Amino acid sequence: MIKRVFLIVVSSYFLLTTIAYAEENVDEEEQKINMFKQMEAVTNIPWYYYAAMNQY
């Protein structure tokens, strides 16, 4: 019984931290894309060029 409770607690902890981390990454990626699109508007260089340069 104690093993099951422990397993449930540990599993839920890892699940919740993984979900929180994934949500933070989505926000960062959206911010980067918005910044690239703003740079595209100013320089007329397509935003995906900036995204490609960002990978390196």
C-alpha atoms as a PDB file:
ATOM      1  CA  MET A   1       0.000   0.000   0.000  1.00  0.00           C
ATOM      2  CA  ILE A   2       2.760   2.419   0.929  1.00  0.00           C
ATOM      3  CA  LYS A   3       4.629   1.576  -2.274  1.00  0.00           C
ATOM      4  CA  ARG A   4       1.576   2.466  -4.360  1.00  0.00           C
ATOM      5  CA  VAL A   5       1.099   5.790  -2.611  1.00  0.00           C
ATOM      6  CA  PHE A   6       4.778   6.596  -2.999  1.00  0.00           C
ATOM      7  CA  LEU A   7       4.682   5.639  -6.673  1.00  0.00           C
ATOM      8  CA  ILE A   8       1.628   7.830  -7.292  1.00  0.00           C
ATOM      9  CA  VAL A   9       3.191  10.818  -5.519  1.00  0.00           C
ATOM     10  CA  VAL A  10       6.477  10.512  -7.400  1.00  0.00           C
ATOM     11  CA  SER A  11       4.745   9.975 -10.747  1.00  0.00           C
ATOM     12  CA  SER A  12       2.470  12.971 -10.293  1.00  0.00           C
ATOM     13  CA  TYR A  13       5.424  15.166  -9.314  1.00  0.00           C
ATOM     14  CA  PHE A  14       7.349  14.294 -12.479  1.00  0.00           C
ATOM     15  CA  LEU A  15       4.252  14.681 -14.628  1.00  0.00           C
ATOM     16  CA  LEU A  16       3.463  18.137 -13.249  1.00  0.00           C
ATOM     17  CA  THR A  17       7.032  19.404 -13.571  1.00  0.00           C
ATOM     18  CA  THR A  18       7.221  18.148 -17.157  1.00  0.00           C
ATOM     19  CA  ILE A  19       3.985  19.917 -18.070  1.00  0.00           C
ATOM     20  CA  ALA A  20       5.171  23.166 -16.467  1.00  0.00           C
ATOM     21  CA  TYR A  21       8.483  22.986 -18.337  1.00  0.00           C
ATOM     22  CA  ALA A  22       6.722  22.357 -21.644  1.00  0.00           C
ATOM     23  CA  GLU A  23       4.460  25.376 -21.142  1.00  0.00           C
ATOM     24  CA  GLU A  24       7.475  27.606 -20.420  1.00  0.00           C
ATOM     25  CA  ASN A  25       9.169  26.453 -23.612  1.00  0.00           C
ATOM     26  CA  VAL A  26       6.089  27.246 -25.680  1.00  0.00           C
ATOM     27  CA  ASP A  27       6.064  30.792 -24.335  1.00  0.00           C
ATOM     28  CA  GLU A  28       9.741  31.271 -25.142  1.00  0.00           C
ATOM     29  CA  GLU A  29       9.293  29.945 -28.663  1.00  0.00           C
ATOM     30  CA  GLU A  30       6.306  32.223 -29.288  1.00  0.00           C
ATOM     31  CA  GLN A  31       8.301  35.214 -28.070  1.00  0.00           C
ATOM     32  CA  LYS A  32      11.179  34.334 -30.402  1.00  0.00           C
ATOM     33  CA  ILE A  33       8.873  33.988 -33.398  1.00  0.00           C
ATOM     34  CA  ASN A  34       7.218  37.331 -32.603  1.00  0.00           C
ATOM     35  CA  MET A  35      10.630  38.970 -32.370  1.00  0.00           C
ATOM     36  CA  PHE A  36      11.689  37.422 -35.686  1.00  0.00           C
ATOM     37  CA  LYS A  37       8.504  38.708 -37.339  1.00  0.00           C
ATOM     38  CA  GLN A  38       9.133  42.207 -35.981  1.00  0.00           C
ATOM     39  CA  MET A  39      12.661  42.076 -37.369  1.00  0.00           C
ATOM     40  CA  GLU A  40      11.217  40.933 -40.697  1.00  0.00           C
ATOM     41  CA  ALA A  41       8.938  43.974 -40.783  1.00  0.00           C
ATOM     42  CA  VAL A  42      11.887  46.311 -40.224  1.00  0.00           C
ATOM     43  CA  THR A  43      14.476  44.695 -42.495  1.00  0.00           C
ATOM     44  CA  ASN A  44      12.375  42.846 -45.137  1.00  0.00           C
ATOM     45  CA  ILE A  45      14.405  39.683 -44.427  1.00  0.00           C
ATOM     46  CA  PRO A  46      12.060  36.689 -43.961  1.00  0.00           C
ATOM     47  CA  TRP A  47      11.585  35.685 -40.318  1.00  0.00           C
ATOM     48  CA  TYR A  48      12.584  32.092 -40.984  1.00  0.00           C
ATOM     49  CA  TYR A  49      16.079  33.268 -41.929  1.00  0.00           C
ATOM     50  CA  TYR A  50      16.433  34.711 -38.417  1.00  0.00           C
ATOM     51  CA  ALA A  51      15.070  31.466 -36.969  1.00  0.00           C
ATOM     52  CA  ALA A  52      17.653  29.499 -38.954  1.00  0.00           C
ATOM     53  CA  MET A  53      20.472  31.752 -37.740  1.00  0.00           C
ATOM     54  CA  ASN A  54      19.209  31.378 -34.187  1.00  0.00           C
ATOM     55  CA  GLN A  55      19.800  27.621 -34.323  1.00  0.00           C
ATOM     56  CA  TYR A  56      23.539  28.072 -34.785  1.00  0.00           C
END
